[in-house]
Structures are given as structure tokens and as C-alpha cells.
Amino acid sequence: MLAAADGSLPSAAVVDVGLTDEGGWAVVEANPAWCSGGYACNPERVLDVVLRAAGPRSESTPADLPFARTAQR
């Protein structure tokens, strides 16, 4: 799935996948990191992803900049 996405997802995203009735895999949804529930995940890794998603723009990679937005007040 990640190869097919070819860099079109931000580096800090959560992708939910599941098994189809035929035994294959399917993407259920993709969400921003802060919308994830860390079900059956390593909490430290979940925190890494959330912090990456919420970090300062100056620390964003060029590939992530199209997904950045200006904070609203």
C-alpha cells in the first residue's frame, strides 16, 4: 500500500487496514496522527508519530510541507 501511495501521504499519518472476505488486505481509512487510537501499538512509537505531526514547520521535511497548514486563532 505504501509503495502504491508513492509519497502521497504525510510521514506522520495513521493508516487503518483490514482483511477482506477473500483474504486480501484493504485500506479502511487514513487519518492524521492525532486522530489515532494507539490500539495494540507501542505507546512510545505512537507518541513519536504524534509529535512528528505536531512539530514546528521548521522541522518538517519537504515532502510533508504540502500537508502543513497555518494555525488558526
PDB file of N, CA and C in Angstrom:
ATOM      1  N   MET A   1       0.832  -1.176   0.000  1.00  0.00           N
ATOM      2  CA  MET A   1       0.000   0.000   0.000  1.00  0.00           C
ATOM      3  C   MET A   1       0.877   1.239   0.000  1.00  0.00           C
ATOM      4  N   LEU A   2       1.923   1.245   0.816  1.00  0.00           N
ATOM      5  CA  LEU A   2       2.780   2.423   0.875  1.00  0.00           C
ATOM      6  C   LEU A   2       3.506   2.648  -0.440  1.00  0.00           C
ATOM      7  N   ALA A   3       3.910   1.576  -1.098  1.00  0.00           N
ATOM      8  CA  ALA A   3       4.561   1.720  -2.401  1.00  0.00           C
ATOM      9  C   ALA A   3       3.579   2.309  -3.415  1.00  0.00           C
ATOM     10  N   ALA A   4       2.331   1.888  -3.355  1.00  0.00           N
ATOM     11  CA  ALA A   4       1.321   2.408  -4.285  1.00  0.00           C
ATOM     12  C   ALA A   4       1.004   3.875  -3.992  1.00  0.00           C
ATOM     13  N   ALA A   5       1.115   4.276  -2.732  1.00  0.00           N
ATOM     14  CA  ALA A   5       0.853   5.674  -2.371  1.00  0.00           C
ATOM     15  C   ALA A   5       1.951   6.589  -2.898  1.00  0.00           C
ATOM     16  N   ASP A   6       3.130   6.048  -3.133  1.00  0.00           N
ATOM     17  CA  ASP A   6       4.246   6.760  -3.751  1.00  0.00           C
ATOM     18  C   ASP A   6       4.475   8.152  -3.180  1.00  0.00           C
ATOM     19  N   GLY A   7       4.561   8.229  -1.834  1.00  0.00           N
ATOM     20  CA  GLY A   7       4.855   9.506  -1.208  1.00  0.00           C
ATOM     21  C   GLY A   7       3.689  10.466  -1.114  1.00  0.00           C
ATOM     22  N   SER A   8       2.479  10.018  -1.400  1.00  0.00           N
ATOM     23  CA  SER A   8       1.337  10.926  -1.368  1.00  0.00           C
ATOM     24  C   SER A   8       0.735  11.094   0.026  1.00  0.00           C
ATOM     25  N   LEU A   9       1.242  10.353   1.004  1.00  0.00           N
ATOM     26  CA  LEU A   9       0.792  10.501   2.384  1.00  0.00           C
ATOM     27  C   LEU A   9       1.832  11.275   3.176  1.00  0.00           C
ATOM     28  N   PRO A  10       1.402  12.042   4.179  1.00  0.00           N
ATOM     29  CA  PRO A  10       2.389  12.676   5.052  1.00  0.00           C
ATOM     30  C   PRO A  10       3.134  11.607   5.843  1.00  0.00           C
ATOM     31  N   SER A  11       4.311  11.945   6.324  1.00  0.00           N
ATOM     32  CA  SER A  11       5.108  10.944   7.036  1.00  0.00           C
ATOM     33  C   SER A  11       4.524  10.586   8.396  1.00  0.00           C
ATOM     34  N   ALA A  12       3.653  11.402   8.930  1.00  0.00           N
ATOM     35  CA  ALA A  12       3.033  11.123  10.221  1.00  0.00           C
ATOM     36  C   ALA A  12       1.537  10.946  10.031  1.00  0.00           C
ATOM     37  N   ALA A  13       1.169   9.839   9.451  1.00  0.00           N
ATOM     38  CA  ALA A  13      -0.243   9.523   9.243  1.00  0.00           C
ATOM     39  C   ALA A  13      -0.506   8.140   9.819  1.00  0.00           C
ATOM     40  N   VAL A  14      -1.760   7.875  10.090  1.00  0.00           N
ATOM     41  CA  VAL A  14      -2.166   6.574  10.577  1.00  0.00           C
ATOM     42  C   VAL A  14      -3.063   5.958   9.512  1.00  0.00           C
ATOM     43  N   VAL A  15      -2.699   4.775   9.065  1.00  0.00           N
ATOM     44  CA  VAL A  15      -3.472   4.092   8.030  1.00  0.00           C
ATOM     45  C   VAL A  15      -4.061   2.831   8.642  1.00  0.00           C
ATOM     46  N   ASP A  16      -5.378   2.748   8.631  1.00  0.00           N
ATOM     47  CA  ASP A  16      -6.062   1.561   9.142  1.00  0.00           C
ATOM     48  C   ASP A  16      -6.250   0.586   7.991  1.00  0.00           C
ATOM     49  N   VAL A  17      -5.861  -0.663   8.201  1.00  0.00           N
ATOM     50  CA  VAL A  17      -6.028  -1.701   7.191  1.00  0.00           C
ATOM     51  C   VAL A  17      -6.800  -2.865   7.804  1.00  0.00           C
ATOM     52  N   GLY A  18      -7.389  -3.653   6.949  1.00  0.00           N
ATOM     53  CA  GLY A  18      -8.122  -4.821   7.416  1.00  0.00           C
ATOM     54  C   GLY A  18      -8.112  -5.910   6.364  1.00  0.00           C
ATOM     55  N   LEU A  19      -8.547  -7.072   6.762  1.00  0.00           N
ATOM     56  CA  LEU A  19      -8.630  -8.213   5.851  1.00  0.00           C
ATOM     57  C   LEU A  19      -9.980  -8.229   5.146  1.00  0.00           C
ATOM     58  N   THR A  20      -9.959  -8.532   3.861  1.00  0.00           N
ATOM     59  CA  THR A  20     -11.202  -8.686   3.105  1.00  0.00           C
ATOM     60  C   THR A  20     -11.731 -10.101   3.287  1.00  0.00           C
ATOM     61  N   ASP A  21     -12.964 -10.335   2.881  1.00  0.00           N
ATOM     62  CA  ASP A  21     -13.540 -11.678   2.952  1.00  0.00           C
ATOM     63  C   ASP A  21     -12.752 -12.674   2.109  1.00  0.00           C
ATOM     64  N   GLU A  22     -12.072 -12.165   1.082  1.00  0.00           N
ATOM     65  CA  GLU A  22     -11.293 -13.026   0.197  1.00  0.00           C
ATOM     66  C   GLU A  22      -9.891 -13.302   0.747  1.00  0.00           C
ATOM     67  N   GLY A  23      -9.539 -12.706   1.884  1.00  0.00           N
ATOM     68  CA  GLY A  23      -8.234 -12.940   2.484  1.00  0.00           C
ATOM     69  C   GLY A  23      -7.161 -11.933   2.103  1.00  0.00           C
ATOM     70  N   GLY A  24      -7.525 -10.930   1.316  1.00  0.00           N
ATOM     71  CA  GLY A  24      -6.571  -9.888   0.958  1.00  0.00           C
ATOM     72  C   GLY A  24      -6.634  -8.747   1.961  1.00  0.00           C
ATOM     73  N   TRP A  25      -5.795  -7.744   1.738  1.00  0.00           N
ATOM     74  CA  TRP A  25      -5.761  -6.569   2.593  1.00  0.00           C
ATOM     75  C   TRP A  25      -6.453  -5.401   1.910  1.00  0.00           C
ATOM     76  N   ALA A  26      -7.053  -4.531   2.692  1.00  0.00           N
ATOM     77  CA  ALA A  26      -7.692  -3.333   2.151  1.00  0.00           C
ATOM     78  C   ALA A  26      -7.453  -2.167   3.108  1.00  0.00           C
ATOM     79  N   VAL A  27      -7.267  -0.989   2.552  1.00  0.00           N
ATOM     80  CA  VAL A  27      -7.161   0.204   3.371  1.00  0.00           C
ATOM     81  C   VAL A  27      -8.565   0.620   3.788  1.00  0.00           C
ATOM     82  N   VAL A  28      -8.767   0.817   5.072  1.00  0.00           N
ATOM     83  CA  VAL A  28     -10.063   1.234   5.588  1.00  0.00           C
ATOM     84  C   VAL A  28     -10.143   2.753   5.574  1.00  0.00           C
ATOM     85  N   GLU A  29      -9.109   3.404   6.113  1.00  0.00           N
ATOM     86  CA  GLU A  29      -9.057   4.859   6.126  1.00  0.00           C
ATOM     87  C   GLU A  29      -7.657   5.313   6.510  1.00  0.00           C
ATOM     88  N   ALA A  30      -7.362   6.558   6.186  1.00  0.00           N
ATOM     89  CA  ALA A  30      -6.113   7.190   6.607  1.00  0.00           C
ATOM     90  C   ALA A  30      -6.486   8.437   7.406  1.00  0.00           C
ATOM     91  N   ASN A  31      -5.804   8.652   8.500  1.00  0.00           N
ATOM     92  CA  ASN A  31      -6.130   9.766   9.399  1.00  0.00           C
ATOM     93  C   ASN A  31      -4.876  10.502   9.828  1.00  0.00           C
ATOM     94  N   PRO A  32      -5.028  11.750  10.264  1.00  0.00           N
ATOM     95  CA  PRO A  32      -3.913  12.447  10.881  1.00  0.00           C
ATOM     96  C   PRO A  32      -3.496  11.701  12.156  1.00  0.00           C
ATOM     97  N   ALA A  33      -2.245  11.841  12.520  1.00  0.00           N
ATOM     98  CA  ALA A  33      -1.707  11.099  13.659  1.00  0.00           C
ATOM     99  C   ALA A  33      -2.471  11.361  14.951  1.00  0.00           C
ATOM    100  N   TRP A  34      -2.925  12.600  15.165  1.00  0.00           N
ATOM    101  CA  TRP A  34      -3.588  12.913  16.433  1.00  0.00           C
ATOM    102  C   TRP A  34      -4.992  12.322  16.514  1.00  0.00           C
ATOM    103  N   CYS A  35      -5.497  11.758  15.428  1.00  0.00           N
ATOM    104  CA  CYS A  35      -6.804  11.116  15.445  1.00  0.00           C
ATOM    105  C   CYS A  35      -6.711   9.615  15.707  1.00  0.00           C
ATOM    106  N   SER A  36      -5.506   9.142  15.904  1.00  0.00           N
ATOM    107  CA  SER A  36      -5.342   7.703  16.080  1.00  0.00           C
ATOM    108  C   SER A  36      -5.606   7.306  17.520  1.00  0.00           C
ATOM    109  N   GLY A  37      -6.050   6.099  17.671  1.00  0.00           N
ATOM    110  CA  GLY A  37      -6.096   5.476  18.993  1.00  0.00           C
ATOM    111  C   GLY A  37      -4.971   4.463  18.962  1.00  0.00           C
ATOM    112  N   GLY A  38      -4.169   4.393  19.933  1.00  0.00           N
ATOM    113  CA  GLY A  38      -2.995   3.515  19.881  1.00  0.00           C
ATOM    114  C   GLY A  38      -3.314   2.065  20.168  1.00  0.00           C
ATOM    115  N   TYR A  39      -4.391   1.557  19.606  1.00  0.00           N
ATOM    116  CA  TYR A  39      -4.810   0.174  19.858  1.00  0.00           C
ATOM    117  C   TYR A  39      -3.702  -0.795  19.489  1.00  0.00           C
ATOM    118  N   ALA A  40      -3.296  -1.619  20.455  1.00  0.00           N
ATOM    119  CA  ALA A  40      -2.305  -2.676  20.251  1.00  0.00           C
ATOM    120  C   ALA A  40      -1.000  -2.141  19.675  1.00  0.00           C
ATOM    121  N   CYS A  41      -0.674  -0.891  19.981  1.00  0.00           N
ATOM    122  CA  CYS A  41       0.556  -0.274  19.476  1.00  0.00           C
ATOM    123  C   CYS A  41       1.486   0.046  20.634  1.00  0.00           C
ATOM    124  N   ASN A  42       2.744   0.190  20.311  1.00  0.00           N
ATOM    125  CA  ASN A  42       3.737   0.625  21.280  1.00  0.00           C
ATOM    126  C   ASN A  42       3.478   2.101  21.586  1.00  0.00           C
ATOM    127  N   PRO A  43       3.137   2.460  22.824  1.00  0.00           N
ATOM    128  CA  PRO A  43       2.790   3.851  23.139  1.00  0.00           C
ATOM    129  C   PRO A  43       3.914   4.837  22.823  1.00  0.00           C
ATOM    130  N   GLU A  44       5.151   4.441  22.983  1.00  0.00           N
ATOM    131  CA  GLU A  44       6.264   5.347  22.671  1.00  0.00           C
ATOM    132  C   GLU A  44       6.311   5.667  21.182  1.00  0.00           C
ATOM    133  N   ARG A  45       6.030   4.688  20.337  1.00  0.00           N
ATOM    134  CA  ARG A  45       6.019   4.913  18.888  1.00  0.00           C
ATOM    135  C   ARG A  45       4.831   5.788  18.497  1.00  0.00           C
ATOM    136  N   VAL A  46       3.688   5.594  19.154  1.00  0.00           N
ATOM    137  CA  VAL A  46       2.521   6.439  18.885  1.00  0.00           C
ATOM    138  C   VAL A  46       2.869   7.886  19.220  1.00  0.00           C
ATOM    139  N   LEU A  47       3.511   8.100  20.355  1.00  0.00           N
ATOM    140  CA  LEU A  47       3.900   9.446  20.749  1.00  0.00           C
ATOM    141  C   LEU A  47       4.878  10.046  19.735  1.00  0.00           C
ATOM    142  N   ASP A  48       5.822   9.258  19.238  1.00  0.00           N
ATOM    143  CA  ASP A  48       6.758   9.742  18.215  1.00  0.00           C
ATOM    144  C   ASP A  48       6.018  10.274  16.997  1.00  0.00           C
ATOM    145  N   VAL A  49       5.006   9.533  16.544  1.00  0.00           N
ATOM    146  CA  VAL A  49       4.262   9.929  15.354  1.00  0.00           C
ATOM    147  C   VAL A  49       3.451  11.195  15.609  1.00  0.00           C
ATOM    148  N   VAL A  50       2.797  11.271  16.766  1.00  0.00           N
ATOM    149  CA  VAL A  50       2.001  12.460  17.083  1.00  0.00           C
ATOM    150  C   VAL A  50       2.900  13.684  17.196  1.00  0.00           C
ATOM    151  N   LEU A  51       4.048  13.549  17.851  1.00  0.00           N
ATOM    152  CA  LEU A  51       4.968  14.678  17.968  1.00  0.00           C
ATOM    153  C   LEU A  51       5.509  15.103  16.613  1.00  0.00           C
ATOM    154  N   ARG A  52       5.773  14.145  15.735  1.00  0.00           N
ATOM    155  CA  ARG A  52       6.238  14.494  14.391  1.00  0.00           C
ATOM    156  C   ARG A  52       5.167  15.276  13.644  1.00  0.00           C
ATOM    157  N   ALA A  53       3.916  14.863  13.804  1.00  0.00           N
ATOM    158  CA  ALA A  53       2.817  15.532  13.110  1.00  0.00           C
ATOM    159  C   ALA A  53       2.569  16.936  13.649  1.00  0.00           C
ATOM    160  N   ALA A  54       2.858  17.153  14.919  1.00  0.00           N
ATOM    161  CA  ALA A  54       2.535  18.433  15.542  1.00  0.00           C
ATOM    162  C   ALA A  54       3.767  19.316  15.744  1.00  0.00           C
ATOM    163  N   GLY A  55       4.895  18.904  15.221  1.00  0.00           N
ATOM    164  CA  GLY A  55       6.130  19.659  15.416  1.00  0.00           C
ATOM    165  C   GLY A  55       6.160  20.960  14.642  1.00  0.00           C
ATOM    166  N   PRO A  56       7.167  21.773  14.899  1.00  0.00           N
ATOM    167  CA  PRO A  56       7.275  23.053  14.198  1.00  0.00           C
ATOM    168  C   PRO A  56       7.523  22.871  12.703  1.00  0.00           C
ATOM    169  N   ARG A  57       7.006  23.790  11.923  1.00  0.00           N
ATOM    170  CA  ARG A  57       7.156  23.743  10.462  1.00  0.00           C
ATOM    171  C   ARG A  57       8.633  23.669  10.071  1.00  0.00           C
ATOM    172  N   SER A  58       9.488  24.335  10.830  1.00  0.00           N
ATOM    173  CA  SER A  58      10.924  24.352  10.503  1.00  0.00           C
ATOM    174  C   SER A  58      11.558  22.963  10.572  1.00  0.00           C
ATOM    175  N   GLU A  59      10.908  22.025  11.262  1.00  0.00           N
ATOM    176  CA  GLU A  59      11.425  20.661  11.353  1.00  0.00           C
ATOM    177  C   GLU A  59      10.722  19.701  10.390  1.00  0.00           C
ATOM    178  N   SER A  60       9.819  20.216   9.578  1.00  0.00           N
ATOM    179  CA  SER A  60       9.112  19.375   8.609  1.00  0.00           C
ATOM    180  C   SER A  60      10.015  19.049   7.434  1.00  0.00           C
ATOM    181  N   THR A  61       9.810  17.874   6.879  1.00  0.00           N
ATOM    182  CA  THR A  61      10.545  17.505   5.675  1.00  0.00           C
ATOM    183  C   THR A  61       9.876  18.166   4.474  1.00  0.00           C
ATOM    184  N   PRO A  62      10.607  18.374   3.379  1.00  0.00           N
ATOM    185  CA  PRO A  62       9.984  18.961   2.186  1.00  0.00           C
ATOM    186  C   PRO A  62       8.752  18.173   1.713  1.00  0.00           C
ATOM    187  N   ALA A  63       8.774  16.856   1.868  1.00  0.00           N
ATOM    188  CA  ALA A  63       7.637  16.033   1.433  1.00  0.00           C
ATOM    189  C   ALA A  63       6.395  16.287   2.284  1.00  0.00           C
ATOM    190  N   ASP A  64       6.584  16.752   3.524  1.00  0.00           N
ATOM    191  CA  ASP A  64       5.446  16.995   4.408  1.00  0.00           C
ATOM    192  C   ASP A  64       4.854  18.391   4.260  1.00  0.00           C
ATOM    193  N   LEU A  65       5.574  19.316   3.684  1.00  0.00           N
ATOM    194  CA  LEU A  65       5.111  20.702   3.604  1.00  0.00           C
ATOM    195  C   LEU A  65       3.764  20.875   2.895  1.00  0.00           C
ATOM    196  N   PRO A  66       3.457  20.101   1.840  1.00  0.00           N
ATOM    197  CA  PRO A  66       2.130  20.256   1.223  1.00  0.00           C
ATOM    198  C   PRO A  66       0.975  19.944   2.183  1.00  0.00           C
ATOM    199  N   PHE A  67       1.245  19.237   3.265  1.00  0.00           N
ATOM    200  CA  PHE A  67       0.196  18.871   4.217  1.00  0.00           C
ATOM    201  C   PHE A  67       0.129  19.839   5.397  1.00  0.00           C
ATOM    202  N   ALA A  68       1.075  20.764   5.476  1.00  0.00           N
ATOM    203  CA  ALA A  68       1.118  21.712   6.600  1.00  0.00           C
ATOM    204  C   ALA A  68       0.079  22.808   6.393  1.00  0.00           C
ATOM    205  N   ARG A  69      -0.399  23.329   7.483  1.00  0.00           N
ATOM    206  CA  ARG A  69      -1.322  24.454   7.394  1.00  0.00           C
ATOM    207  C   ARG A  69      -0.967  25.456   8.480  1.00  0.00           C
ATOM    208  N   THR A  70      -1.399  26.667   8.292  1.00  0.00           N
ATOM    209  CA  THR A  70      -1.155  27.727   9.261  1.00  0.00           C
ATOM    210  C   THR A  70      -2.148  27.587  10.413  1.00  0.00           C
ATOM    211  N   ALA A  71      -1.652  27.741  11.620  1.00  0.00           N
ATOM    212  CA  ALA A  71      -2.522  27.631  12.797  1.00  0.00           C
ATOM    213  C   ALA A  71      -3.566  28.734  12.768  1.00  0.00           C
ATOM    214  N   GLN A  72      -4.781  28.382  13.107  1.00  0.00           N
ATOM    215  CA  GLN A  72      -5.888  29.326  13.186  1.00  0.00           C
ATOM    216  C   GLN A  72      -6.049  29.784  14.631  1.00  0.00           C
ATOM    217  N   ARG A  73      -6.301  31.028  14.841  1.00  0.00           N
ATOM    218  CA  ARG A  73      -6.510  31.546  16.199  1.00  0.00           C
ATOM    219  C   ARG A  73      -7.923  32.017  16.368  1.00  0.00           C
TER     220      ARG A  73
END
